[in-house]
N, C-alpha and C. Protein backbone atom coordinates (compact mmCIF):
# COMPACT_ATOMS: atom_id res chain seq x y z
N MET A 1 0.78 -1.20 0.00
CA MET A 1 -0.12 0.02 0.00
C MET A 1 0.55 1.35 0.07
N ALA A 2 2.12 1.03 0.93
CA ALA A 2 2.93 2.33 1.09
C ALA A 2 3.56 2.66 -0.42
N ASP A 3 3.78 1.65 -1.11
CA ASP A 3 4.42 1.62 -2.53
C ASP A 3 3.41 2.33 -3.46
N LEU A 4 2.29 1.74 -3.42
CA LEU A 4 1.09 2.23 -4.11
C LEU A 4 1.25 3.88 -4.13
N ASN A 5 1.08 4.24 -2.73
CA ASN A 5 1.05 5.74 -2.51
C ASN A 5 2.38 6.73 -3.21
N ARG A 6 3.48 5.91 -2.86
CA ARG A 6 4.62 6.61 -3.53
C ARG A 6 4.74 6.53 -4.87
N MET A 7 4.12 5.47 -5.62
CA MET A 7 4.26 5.65 -6.89
C MET A 7 3.22 6.83 -7.49
N ARG A 8 2.10 6.71 -6.57
CA ARG A 8 1.16 7.85 -7.14
C ARG A 8 1.82 9.23 -6.89
N LYS A 9 2.43 9.36 -5.93
CA LYS A 9 3.19 10.95 -5.54
C LYS A 9 4.00 11.14 -6.98
N THR A 10 4.74 10.19 -7.13
CA THR A 10 5.91 10.11 -8.00
C THR A 10 5.07 10.35 -9.37
N PHE A 11 3.99 9.98 -9.75
CA PHE A 11 3.34 10.01 -10.97
C PHE A 11 2.67 11.32 -11.03
N LYS A 12 2.22 11.90 -9.99
CA LYS A 12 1.75 13.19 -9.94
C LYS A 12 2.85 14.26 -9.98
N VAL A 13 3.93 14.23 -9.68
CA VAL A 13 5.29 14.97 -9.83
C VAL A 13 5.46 15.04 -11.14
N ALA A 14 5.62 13.73 -11.93
CA ALA A 14 6.38 13.40 -13.28
C ALA A 14 5.14 14.16 -13.90
N ALA A 15 3.82 13.93 -13.76
CA ALA A 15 2.67 14.55 -14.43
C ALA A 15 2.80 16.24 -14.64
N GLY A 16 3.23 16.57 -13.33
CA GLY A 16 3.21 18.12 -13.16
C GLY A 16 4.52 18.74 -14.19
N VAL A 17 5.52 18.11 -13.92
CA VAL A 17 6.69 18.41 -14.53
C VAL A 17 6.64 18.40 -16.34
N LEU A 18 5.62 17.46 -16.44
CA LEU A 18 5.77 17.52 -18.15
C LEU A 18 4.41 18.27 -18.49
N GLY A 19 3.68 18.60 -17.76
CA GLY A 19 2.56 19.76 -17.79
C GLY A 19 3.21 21.00 -18.14
N THR A 20 4.26 21.21 -17.18
CA THR A 20 4.81 22.52 -17.44
C THR A 20 5.60 22.86 -18.56
N ILE A 21 6.03 21.75 -18.87
CA ILE A 21 7.29 21.74 -20.06
C ILE A 21 6.52 21.94 -21.32
N CYS A 22 4.99 21.44 -20.91
CA CYS A 22 4.23 21.49 -22.34
C CYS A 22 3.48 23.09 -22.49
N ALA A 23 3.39 23.49 -21.15
CA ALA A 23 2.89 24.87 -21.40
C ALA A 23 3.83 26.09 -21.68
N VAL A 24 5.16 25.61 -21.48
CA VAL A 24 6.29 26.39 -21.96
C VAL A 24 6.70 26.19 -23.08
N ALA A 25 6.14 24.82 -24.02
CA ALA A 25 6.43 24.81 -25.16
C ALA A 25 5.26 25.60 -26.16
N VAL A 26 3.99 25.54 -25.31
CA VAL A 26 2.90 25.91 -25.92
C VAL A 26 3.23 27.92 -26.16
N LEU A 27 3.55 28.22 -24.98
CA LEU A 27 4.03 29.62 -24.74
C LEU A 27 5.16 30.36 -25.83
N TYR A 28 5.94 29.45 -25.94
CA TYR A 28 7.03 29.61 -26.89
C TYR A 28 6.68 29.87 -28.36
N LEU A 29 5.83 28.58 -28.82
CA LEU A 29 5.25 28.67 -30.06
C LEU A 29 4.39 29.80 -30.34
N VAL A 30 3.46 30.14 -29.40
CA VAL A 30 2.67 31.54 -29.57
C VAL A 30 3.43 32.64 -29.18
N MET A 31 4.26 32.58 -28.33
CA MET A 31 5.04 34.14 -28.22
C MET A 31 6.45 33.67 -28.38
N PRO A 32 7.39 33.80 -29.44
CA PRO A 32 8.68 33.02 -29.53
C PRO A 32 9.32 34.17 -28.91
N LEU A 33 10.40 33.83 -28.21
CA LEU A 33 11.81 34.48 -27.53
C LEU A 33 12.25 35.24 -28.44
N GLY A 34 12.96 34.62 -29.43
CA GLY A 34 13.50 35.15 -30.37
C GLY A 34 12.96 36.43 -31.53
N ARG A 35 13.73 37.20 -32.11
CA ARG A 35 13.39 38.29 -33.02
C ARG A 35 12.44 37.70 -34.17
N THR A 36 11.49 38.28 -34.60
CA THR A 36 10.73 37.99 -35.85
C THR A 36 11.21 38.27 -37.00
N ASN A 37 11.07 37.55 -38.03
CA ASN A 37 11.61 38.00 -39.17
C ASN A 37 11.25 39.47 -39.72
N ALA A 38 10.08 39.83 -39.59
CA ALA A 38 9.83 41.22 -39.86
C ALA A 38 10.83 42.21 -38.95
N GLU A 39 11.01 41.61 -37.69
CA GLU A 39 11.85 42.68 -36.99
C GLU A 39 13.28 42.82 -37.40
N LEU A 40 13.74 41.46 -38.07
CA LEU A 40 15.03 41.31 -38.59
C LEU A 40 15.23 42.37 -39.79
N ASP A 41 13.88 42.06 -40.77
CA ASP A 41 13.89 42.68 -41.88
C ASP A 41 14.13 44.23 -41.72
N ARG A 42 13.35 44.74 -40.54
CA ARG A 42 13.11 46.02 -40.65
C ARG A 42 14.77 46.75 -40.11
N ASP A 43 15.55 46.14 -39.12
CA ASP A 43 16.22 46.35 -38.59
C ASP A 43 17.82 46.35 -39.84
N LEU A 44 17.44 45.46 -40.71
CA LEU A 44 18.35 45.29 -42.11
C LEU A 44 18.18 46.68 -42.95
N ALA A 45 17.00 46.93 -42.75
CA ALA A 45 16.44 48.42 -44.04
C ALA A 45 16.97 49.41 -43.21
N ASP A 46 17.09 49.53 -41.81
CA ASP A 46 17.63 50.54 -41.20
C ASP A 46 19.09 50.91 -41.22
N ALA A 47 19.73 49.52 -41.18
CA ALA A 47 21.18 49.66 -41.45
C ALA A 47 21.29 50.20 -42.84
N ARG A 48 20.89 49.67 -43.88
CA ARG A 48 20.69 50.14 -45.10
C ARG A 48 20.95 51.65 -45.23
N ASN A 49 19.94 52.13 -44.93
CA ASN A 49 19.53 53.72 -44.88
C ASN A 49 20.55 54.48 -44.14
N GLU A 50 20.98 53.75 -42.97
CA GLU A 50 21.97 54.53 -42.31
C GLU A 50 23.39 55.01 -43.16
N PHE A 51 23.83 53.49 -43.72
CA PHE A 51 25.15 53.33 -44.58
C PHE A 51 24.72 54.39 -45.69
N LYS A 52 23.68 54.68 -46.43
CA LYS A 52 23.63 55.45 -47.51
C LYS A 52 23.73 57.04 -46.93
N GLN A 53 23.12 57.16 -45.87
CA GLN A 53 23.45 58.75 -45.48
C GLN A 53 25.07 58.85 -44.75
N LYS A 54 25.55 57.60 -44.53
CA LYS A 54 26.86 58.42 -44.23
C LYS A 54 27.62 58.21 -45.34
N ASP A 55 27.44 57.20 -46.31
CA ASP A 55 27.93 57.32 -47.69
C ASP A 55 27.95 58.60 -48.45
N ILE A 56 26.73 59.51 -48.15
CA ILE A 56 26.47 60.67 -48.86
C ILE A 56 27.37 61.62 -47.98
N GLN A 57 27.43 61.81 -46.74
CA GLN A 57 28.08 62.68 -45.94
C GLN A 57 29.68 62.66 -46.31
N VAL A 58 30.23 61.25 -46.73
CA VAL A 58 31.77 61.37 -46.80
C VAL A 58 31.95 61.65 -48.34
N ARG A 59 31.13 61.43 -49.38
CA ARG A 59 31.33 61.50 -50.56
C ARG A 59 32.16 63.10 -50.85
N PRO A 60 31.67 64.40 -50.28
CA PRO A 60 32.56 65.26 -50.61
C PRO A 60 34.10 65.11 -50.15
N LEU A 61 34.51 64.21 -49.31
CA LEU A 61 35.54 64.01 -48.79
C LEU A 61 36.58 63.33 -49.46
N ARG A 62 35.95 62.73 -50.30
CA ARG A 62 36.72 61.52 -51.45
C ARG A 62 37.57 62.38 -52.19
N GLY A 63 38.54 62.14 -52.46
CA GLY A 63 39.74 62.75 -53.43
C GLY A 63 40.24 63.81 -52.89
N LEU A 64 39.88 64.28 -51.54
CA LEU A 64 40.08 65.73 -51.02
C LEU A 64 41.59 66.10 -51.17
N PRO A 65 42.77 65.33 -51.03
CA PRO A 65 44.08 66.00 -51.30
C PRO A 65 44.32 66.42 -52.76
N ASP A 66 43.54 65.62 -53.89
CA ASP A 66 43.85 66.29 -54.88
C ASP A 66 42.80 67.38 -55.33
N LYS A 67 41.53 67.46 -54.66
CA LYS A 67 41.07 68.82 -54.98
C LYS A 67 41.72 70.07 -54.06
N LEU A 68 42.53 69.86 -52.95
CA LEU A 68 43.16 70.90 -52.53
C LEU A 68 44.27 71.41 -53.49
N VAL A 69 44.88 70.49 -53.95
CA VAL A 69 45.96 70.82 -55.18
C VAL A 69 45.65 71.42 -56.20
N LYS A 70 44.54 71.21 -56.70
CA LYS A 70 43.70 71.60 -57.55
C LYS A 70 43.05 73.24 -57.36
N THR A 71 42.69 73.27 -56.11
CA THR A 71 42.28 74.75 -55.57
C THR A 71 43.56 75.30 -55.42
N HIS A 72 44.61 75.00 -55.07
CA HIS A 72 45.78 75.72 -54.86
C HIS A 72 46.39 76.32 -56.27
N GLU A 73 46.13 75.52 -56.90
CA GLU A 73 46.84 75.98 -58.61
C GLU A 73 45.77 76.91 -59.17
N ASP A 74 44.63 76.62 -58.70
CA ASP A 74 43.48 77.39 -59.48
C ASP A 74 43.60 79.15 -58.91
N ILE A 75 43.99 78.96 -57.63
CA ILE A 75 44.09 80.34 -56.75
C ILE A 75 45.69 81.16 -57.41
N GLN A 76 46.61 80.50 -57.30
CA GLN A 76 48.18 80.64 -57.75
C GLN A 76 47.45 81.58 -59.44
N LYS A 77 46.85 80.69 -60.17
CA LYS A 77 46.45 81.07 -61.48
C LYS A 77 45.58 82.33 -61.42
N PHE A 78 44.81 82.44 -60.63
CA PHE A 78 43.82 83.80 -60.35
C PHE A 78 44.87 84.97 -60.13
N TYR A 79 45.76 84.71 -59.04
CA TYR A 79 46.90 85.72 -58.66
C TYR A 79 47.52 86.25 -59.69
N ARG A 80 48.25 85.48 -60.44
CA ARG A 80 48.95 85.50 -61.67
C ARG A 80 47.99 86.54 -62.81
N GLU A 81 47.12 86.07 -63.10
CA GLU A 81 46.59 86.55 -64.35
C GLU A 81 45.61 87.90 -63.75
N ARG A 82 44.97 88.20 -62.61
CA ARG A 82 44.07 89.01 -62.28
C ARG A 82 44.77 89.94 -61.39
N LEU A 83 45.45 89.86 -60.61
CA LEU A 83 45.79 90.55 -59.60
C LEU A 83 46.97 91.21 -60.00
N PRO A 84 47.35 92.79 -59.91
CA PRO A 84 48.48 93.57 -60.28
C PRO A 84 49.75 93.25 -58.93
N ALA A 85 50.83 93.58 -59.16
CA ALA A 85 52.11 93.30 -58.41
C ALA A 85 52.25 94.39 -57.70
N ARG A 86 51.75 95.90 -58.23
CA ARG A 86 52.24 97.27 -57.57
C ARG A 86 50.68 97.93 -57.80
N GLN A 87 51.09 99.01 -56.97
CA GLN A 87 49.80 99.78 -56.86
C GLN A 87 49.69 100.95 -58.18
N SER A 88 50.92 100.99 -58.97
CA SER A 88 51.46 101.73 -60.08
C SER A 88 50.45 101.30 -61.01
N ALA A 89 50.58 99.64 -61.12
CA ALA A 89 49.83 99.00 -62.01
C ALA A 89 48.37 99.48 -61.64
N VAL A 90 47.77 99.44 -60.89
CA VAL A 90 46.40 99.79 -60.73
C VAL A 90 46.07 101.28 -61.10
N SER A 91 46.79 102.17 -61.10
CA SER A 91 46.48 103.67 -61.48
C SER A 91 46.77 103.64 -62.98
N GLU A 92 47.45 102.84 -63.61
CA GLU A 92 47.72 102.87 -64.95
C GLU A 92 46.81 102.19 -65.83
N GLU A 93 46.09 101.19 -65.05
CA GLU A 93 44.89 100.53 -65.70
C GLU A 93 43.91 101.07 -65.66
N ILE A 94 43.29 102.05 -64.33
CA ILE A 94 42.18 102.89 -64.28
C ILE A 94 42.15 103.86 -65.05
N GLY A 95 43.43 104.66 -65.47
CA GLY A 95 43.65 105.88 -66.23
C GLY A 95 43.62 105.40 -67.54
N SER A 96 43.91 103.91 -68.18
CA SER A 96 43.73 103.86 -69.26
C SER A 96 42.12 103.48 -69.77
N LEU A 97 41.48 102.95 -68.93
CA LEU A 97 40.03 102.59 -69.11
C LEU A 97 39.36 103.94 -69.14
N ALA A 98 39.87 104.94 -68.24
CA ALA A 98 39.19 106.44 -68.53
C ALA A 98 39.35 106.98 -69.53
N ASN A 99 40.53 106.89 -70.34
CA ASN A 99 41.04 107.61 -71.46
C ASN A 99 40.13 106.83 -72.72
N LYS A 100 40.07 105.51 -72.63
CA LYS A 100 39.44 104.67 -73.63
C LYS A 100 37.90 104.87 -73.64
N ASN A 101 37.33 105.16 -72.49
CA ASN A 101 35.94 105.75 -72.41
C ASN A 101 35.64 107.26 -72.36
N HIS A 102 36.43 107.96 -72.63
CA HIS A 102 36.26 109.17 -72.34
C HIS A 102 35.70 109.79 -71.22
N VAL A 103 36.25 109.70 -69.97
CA VAL A 103 35.40 109.93 -68.95
C VAL A 103 37.14 110.71 -67.98
N THR A 104 36.48 111.47 -66.93
CA THR A 104 37.51 112.26 -66.40
C THR A 104 37.23 111.75 -64.92
N LEU A 105 38.84 111.57 -64.44
CA LEU A 105 39.21 110.96 -63.25
C LEU A 105 39.51 112.13 -62.42
N SER A 106 39.25 112.44 -61.07
CA SER A 106 39.83 113.59 -60.28
C SER A 106 39.83 113.30 -58.70
N ASP A 107 40.81 113.78 -57.99
CA ASP A 107 40.64 113.68 -56.43
C ASP A 107 41.06 112.18 -56.39
N VAL A 108 41.44 111.60 -56.89
CA VAL A 108 41.87 110.04 -56.58
C VAL A 108 42.61 109.82 -55.28
N HIS A 109 42.09 108.91 -54.87
CA HIS A 109 43.07 108.40 -53.25
C HIS A 109 43.12 107.12 -53.20
N TYR A 110 44.13 106.75 -52.78
CA TYR A 110 44.28 104.98 -52.73
C TYR A 110 44.51 104.70 -50.99
N GLU A 111 44.11 103.70 -50.82
CA GLU A 111 44.40 103.30 -49.26
C GLU A 111 44.58 101.70 -49.37
N ASN A 112 45.97 101.58 -48.90
CA ASN A 112 46.63 99.99 -48.58
C ASN A 112 45.73 99.29 -47.51
N GLN A 113 45.19 98.41 -47.58
CA GLN A 113 44.74 97.62 -46.33
C GLN A 113 45.35 96.10 -46.17
N GLU A 114 45.19 95.87 -45.06
CA GLU A 114 45.62 94.24 -44.54
C GLU A 114 44.38 93.41 -44.95
N THR A 115 44.58 92.43 -45.28
CA THR A 115 43.62 91.40 -45.25
C THR A 115 43.93 90.13 -44.42
N GLU A 116 42.72 89.08 -44.45
CA GLU A 116 43.01 88.06 -43.80
C GLU A 116 43.96 87.04 -44.21
N ILE A 117 44.16 87.09 -45.69
CA ILE A 117 44.87 86.45 -46.26
C ILE A 117 46.36 86.59 -46.35
N PRO A 118 47.13 85.86 -45.77
CA PRO A 118 48.54 86.45 -45.64
C PRO A 118 48.97 86.57 -47.01
N ASP A 119 50.01 87.84 -46.95
CA ASP A 119 50.71 88.61 -47.93
C ASP A 119 49.79 88.93 -49.01
N LEU A 120 48.35 89.08 -48.93
CA LEU A 120 47.31 89.77 -49.95
C LEU A 120 46.88 91.05 -49.10
N ARG A 121 47.11 91.99 -50.22
CA ARG A 121 46.78 93.45 -49.73
C ARG A 121 45.77 93.85 -50.49
N ALA A 122 44.63 94.77 -49.91
CA ALA A 122 43.81 95.35 -50.54
C ALA A 122 44.28 96.70 -50.86
N VAL A 123 43.51 97.09 -52.06
CA VAL A 123 43.97 98.41 -52.65
C VAL A 123 42.55 99.00 -52.69
N VAL A 124 42.16 99.91 -51.86
CA VAL A 124 40.80 100.88 -51.97
C VAL A 124 40.98 102.01 -52.83
N LEU A 125 40.55 102.38 -53.83
CA LEU A 125 40.27 103.62 -54.80
C LEU A 125 39.26 104.52 -54.58
N ASP A 126 39.31 105.46 -54.16
CA ASP A 126 38.17 106.77 -53.88
C ASP A 126 38.34 107.76 -55.20
N THR A 127 37.78 108.37 -55.87
CA THR A 127 37.79 108.93 -56.99
C THR A 127 36.53 109.76 -57.51
N GLN A 128 36.60 110.75 -58.26
CA GLN A 128 35.30 111.50 -58.83
C GLN A 128 35.36 111.25 -60.24
N LEU A 129 34.13 110.95 -60.58
CA LEU A 129 33.89 110.47 -62.02
C LEU A 129 33.38 110.99 -62.77
N SER A 130 33.41 111.91 -63.60
CA SER A 130 32.46 112.95 -64.32
C SER A 130 32.82 112.64 -65.89
N GLY A 131 31.62 112.89 -66.93
CA GLY A 131 31.51 112.76 -68.17
C GLY A 131 30.16 112.56 -68.53
N ASP A 132 29.91 112.24 -69.77
CA ASP A 132 28.60 111.90 -70.18
C ASP A 132 27.92 110.66 -69.72
N TYR A 133 26.83 110.78 -69.33
CA TYR A 133 26.05 109.61 -69.12
C TYR A 133 26.37 107.98 -69.68
N ALA A 134 26.46 108.03 -70.99
CA ALA A 134 26.70 106.93 -71.53
C ALA A 134 28.22 106.46 -71.52
N ASN A 135 29.15 107.43 -71.37
CA ASN A 135 30.62 107.08 -71.36
C ASN A 135 30.71 106.67 -69.85
N VAL A 136 29.79 107.18 -69.13
CA VAL A 136 30.28 106.99 -67.57
C VAL A 136 29.82 105.26 -67.33
N ALA A 137 28.61 105.18 -68.20
CA ALA A 137 28.34 103.84 -67.76
C ALA A 137 29.33 102.77 -68.70
N LYS A 138 29.72 103.37 -69.76
CA LYS A 138 30.51 102.22 -70.36
C LYS A 138 32.13 102.16 -69.53
N PHE A 139 32.59 103.11 -68.67
CA PHE A 139 33.54 103.34 -68.40
C PHE A 139 33.46 102.16 -66.86
N ILE A 140 32.34 102.09 -66.06
CA ILE A 140 32.21 101.34 -64.95
C ILE A 140 31.59 99.75 -65.29
N ASN A 141 31.26 99.85 -66.64
CA ASN A 141 31.04 98.20 -67.30
C ASN A 141 32.18 97.78 -67.51
N ALA A 142 33.47 98.51 -68.02
CA ALA A 142 34.61 98.17 -68.62
C ALA A 142 35.32 97.78 -67.29
N VAL A 143 35.34 98.84 -66.24
CA VAL A 143 36.00 98.18 -64.99
C VAL A 143 35.56 96.87 -64.30
N GLU A 144 34.56 96.57 -64.42
CA GLU A 144 33.95 95.26 -63.93
C GLU A 144 34.32 94.27 -65.00
N ARG A 145 34.59 94.63 -66.09
CA ARG A 145 34.83 93.17 -66.95
C ARG A 145 36.51 93.42 -67.66
N ASP A 146 37.09 93.95 -66.94
CA ASP A 146 38.45 93.95 -67.08
C ASP A 146 39.21 92.97 -66.38
N LYS A 147 40.32 92.79 -67.42
CA LYS A 147 41.28 91.40 -66.73
C LYS A 147 41.70 91.49 -65.52
N THR A 148 42.08 92.70 -64.85
CA THR A 148 42.44 93.46 -63.45
C THR A 148 41.28 93.00 -62.99
N PHE A 149 41.22 92.43 -61.74
CA PHE A 149 40.51 92.16 -60.92
C PHE A 149 39.74 93.62 -60.10
N PHE A 150 38.85 93.90 -60.43
CA PHE A 150 38.27 95.05 -59.74
C PHE A 150 36.58 94.96 -59.22
N ILE A 151 36.42 95.39 -57.96
CA ILE A 151 35.47 95.22 -57.47
C ILE A 151 34.78 96.74 -57.41
N VAL A 152 33.54 97.24 -57.71
CA VAL A 152 32.83 98.28 -57.61
C VAL A 152 32.18 98.24 -56.22
N ASP A 153 32.81 98.90 -55.33
CA ASP A 153 32.36 98.71 -53.98
C ASP A 153 31.05 100.34 -53.59
N GLY A 154 31.03 101.20 -54.41
CA GLY A 154 30.19 102.09 -54.24
C GLY A 154 29.96 103.49 -55.29
N ILE A 155 28.88 103.54 -55.61
CA ILE A 155 28.60 105.08 -56.65
C ILE A 155 27.82 105.91 -55.86
N THR A 156 27.87 106.92 -56.03
CA THR A 156 27.55 108.29 -55.16
C THR A 156 27.13 109.19 -56.49
N LEU A 157 25.61 109.49 -56.67
CA LEU A 157 25.81 110.79 -57.58
C LEU A 157 25.92 111.99 -56.61
N ASP A 158 27.14 112.75 -57.19
CA ASP A 158 27.27 114.23 -56.92
C ASP A 158 26.25 115.35 -57.65
N GLU A 159 26.19 115.03 -59.05
CA GLU A 159 25.77 116.10 -59.92
C GLU A 159 25.09 115.46 -61.32
N GLN A 160 23.96 115.74 -61.83
CA GLN A 160 23.57 115.39 -63.10
C GLN A 160 23.11 116.94 -63.82
N LYS A 161 23.59 117.21 -64.83
CA LYS A 161 23.20 118.40 -65.64
C LYS A 161 23.54 117.96 -67.32
N ALA A 162 22.44 118.08 -67.74
CA ALA A 162 22.34 117.97 -69.41
C ALA A 162 22.88 116.94 -69.83
N GLY A 163 22.75 115.86 -69.42
CA GLY A 163 23.26 114.53 -69.85
C GLY A 163 24.67 114.22 -69.38
N ALA A 164 25.27 115.11 -68.51
CA ALA A 164 26.62 115.18 -67.70
C ALA A 164 26.25 114.52 -66.71
N VAL A 165 27.18 113.77 -65.60
CA VAL A 165 27.27 113.39 -64.53
C VAL A 165 28.36 113.35 -63.82
N ARG A 166 28.53 113.65 -62.52
CA ARG A 166 29.65 113.33 -61.83
C ARG A 166 29.35 112.55 -60.33
N LEU A 167 30.00 111.51 -60.24
CA LEU A 167 29.95 110.32 -59.64
C LEU A 167 31.05 110.47 -58.55
N GLN A 168 30.49 109.96 -57.36
CA GLN A 168 31.87 109.48 -56.39
C GLN A 168 31.82 107.90 -56.57
N LEU A 169 33.07 107.53 -56.87
CA LEU A 169 33.00 106.10 -57.36
C LEU A 169 34.33 105.36 -56.42
N LYS A 170 33.82 104.33 -55.84
CA LYS A 170 34.65 103.40 -54.88
C LYS A 170 35.03 101.90 -55.28
N LEU A 171 36.28 102.00 -55.93
CA LEU A 171 36.74 100.63 -56.00
C LEU A 171 37.66 99.51 -55.27
N GLU A 172 37.80 98.33 -55.29
CA GLU A 172 38.60 97.82 -54.54
C GLU A 172 39.34 96.73 -55.54
N THR A 173 40.53 96.91 -55.29
CA THR A 173 41.40 95.35 -55.85
C THR A 173 42.35 94.79 -54.99
N TYR A 174 43.41 93.90 -55.36
CA TYR A 174 44.26 93.36 -54.68
C TYR A 174 45.52 93.32 -55.16
N LEU A 175 46.47 93.38 -54.18
CA LEU A 175 48.01 93.16 -55.05
C LEU A 175 48.24 91.54 -54.80
N ARG A 176 48.75 91.11 -55.56
CA ARG A 176 49.19 89.84 -55.44
C ARG A 176 50.52 89.58 -54.61
N PRO A 177 50.63 88.43 -53.89
CA PRO A 177 51.68 88.06 -53.08
C PRO A 177 53.01 88.25 -53.83
N SER A 178 54.05 88.54 -53.29
CA SER A 178 55.28 88.94 -54.01
C SER A 178 55.89 87.40 -54.47
N ASN A 179 55.44 86.43 -53.99
CA ASN A 179 56.19 85.19 -54.08
C ASN A 179 55.53 84.83 -55.53
N VAL A 180 54.35 85.36 -56.02
CA VAL A 180 53.54 84.85 -57.27
C VAL A 180 53.73 85.56 -58.38
N GLU A 181 54.53 85.02 -59.62
CA GLU A 181 55.13 85.52 -60.80
C GLU A 181 54.03 86.04 -61.40
N SER A 182 54.28 86.85 -62.26
CA SER A 182 52.87 87.37 -63.58
C SER A 182 52.89 86.80 -64.54
N ALA A 183 51.71 86.50 -64.79
CA ALA A 183 51.59 85.86 -66.29
C ALA A 183 52.19 86.29 -67.38
N PRO A 184 52.56 85.25 -68.33
CA PRO A 184 53.50 86.19 -69.69
C PRO A 184 52.26 86.63 -70.32
N GLU A 185 52.81 87.60 -70.92
CA GLU A 185 52.04 88.44 -71.90
C GLU A 185 51.76 87.84 -73.20
N LYS A 186 50.69 87.45 -73.77
CA LYS A 186 50.42 86.54 -75.10
C LYS A 186 51.16 87.41 -76.25
N SER A 187 51.04 88.88 -76.21
CA SER A 187 51.72 89.30 -77.31
C SER A 187 53.02 89.19 -77.57
N LYS A 188 53.72 89.20 -76.28
CA LYS A 188 55.36 89.03 -76.55
C LYS A 188 55.63 87.62 -76.96
N GLU A 189 54.78 86.55 -76.25
CA GLU A 189 54.96 85.19 -77.16
C GLU A 189 54.65 85.04 -78.36
N LYS A 190 53.72 85.92 -78.88
CA LYS A 190 53.53 85.44 -80.64
C LYS A 190 54.62 86.29 -80.76
N SER A 191 55.19 87.51 -80.91
CA SER A 191 56.06 88.13 -81.22
C SER A 191 57.38 87.29 -81.30
N ALA A 192 57.62 86.64 -80.17
CA ALA A 192 58.82 85.91 -80.10
C ALA A 192 58.64 84.51 -80.96
N GLY A 193 57.57 84.05 -81.00
CA GLY A 193 57.08 82.92 -81.93
C GLY A 193 57.38 83.51 -83.53
N SER A 194 56.64 84.37 -83.82
CA SER A 194 56.91 84.71 -85.35
C SER A 194 58.49 85.17 -85.63
N GLY A 195 59.13 85.68 -84.88
CA GLY A 195 60.47 86.05 -85.03
C GLY A 195 61.25 84.89 -85.09
N ALA A 196 61.22 83.76 -84.45
CA ALA A 196 61.91 82.48 -84.35
C ALA A 196 61.43 81.68 -85.79
N GLY A 197 60.07 81.90 -86.28
CA GLY A 197 59.96 81.33 -87.22
C GLY A 197 60.79 82.06 -88.74
N LYS A 198 61.05 83.16 -88.55
CA LYS A 198 61.46 84.31 -89.88
C LYS A 198 63.13 83.89 -89.23
N THR A 199 63.66 83.60 -88.70
CA THR A 199 65.26 83.14 -88.09
C THR A 199 65.42 81.95 -88.90
N GLY A 200 64.44 81.03 -88.74
CA GLY A 200 64.44 79.47 -89.23
C GLY A 200 64.44 79.45 -90.76
N ASP A 201 63.63 80.51 -91.24
CA ASP A 201 63.75 80.44 -92.98
C ASP A 201 65.22 81.19 -93.34
C-alpha cells in the first residue's frame, strides 16, 4: 500500500513537470522569445539607410588631397592673371580705361589695407568720376569686365546736368603676393614665336 502511494506521488510529480514543459512549449510557439523575421528585416533596412546617409556625408571628402592641390593651382592662376603686382599698375589700368571711355577722374585717393589672407593686400580707390552719362556707364562696365580684378564698392551721384554726370566712385582690388610671378604676356609670346619662325627661314 505504501508503495502504491509513493508511486502515485511520483506519477503526480512527473505529470506536473511534463505539464509545465508542455505549457512552456505552447507559450514559446505562441510568443517566440527570439526576434521575428519582420523585426530582422526592419533592422536590415535601417542599417542600409544609415549606410547610405553616411556614404552621402563622406562623398565630398573623397579625393580631398587632389581637390586641395587643384584649388591651390587655381588660386595661383587667379593671382597671376587677375591681380596686379604694384599699386602703380592699378593707377595705370584705371587711367587707361578712363581714356578709352572718354571720362575724367579727379581727386583720386588710394588706401592700402591688410586682409585676412597672408601676403595679400587690398587697394581701395576713391575717385570723382565725370563725363557723359553713356560714357560713364561704359567706363563702369569696362572696369567690371577688365582683366585686372576690380570690385565696384560704391557709387554716389554728386551732380547731373544736361546729360553729364559727376559721381563719387569707390573701387577695390588686391595686390598679388610677391612670391607669385606674373602671367606671361600673350603678345610677347606671339612676337617671339613669329621672330623665331623668320630666323629659321
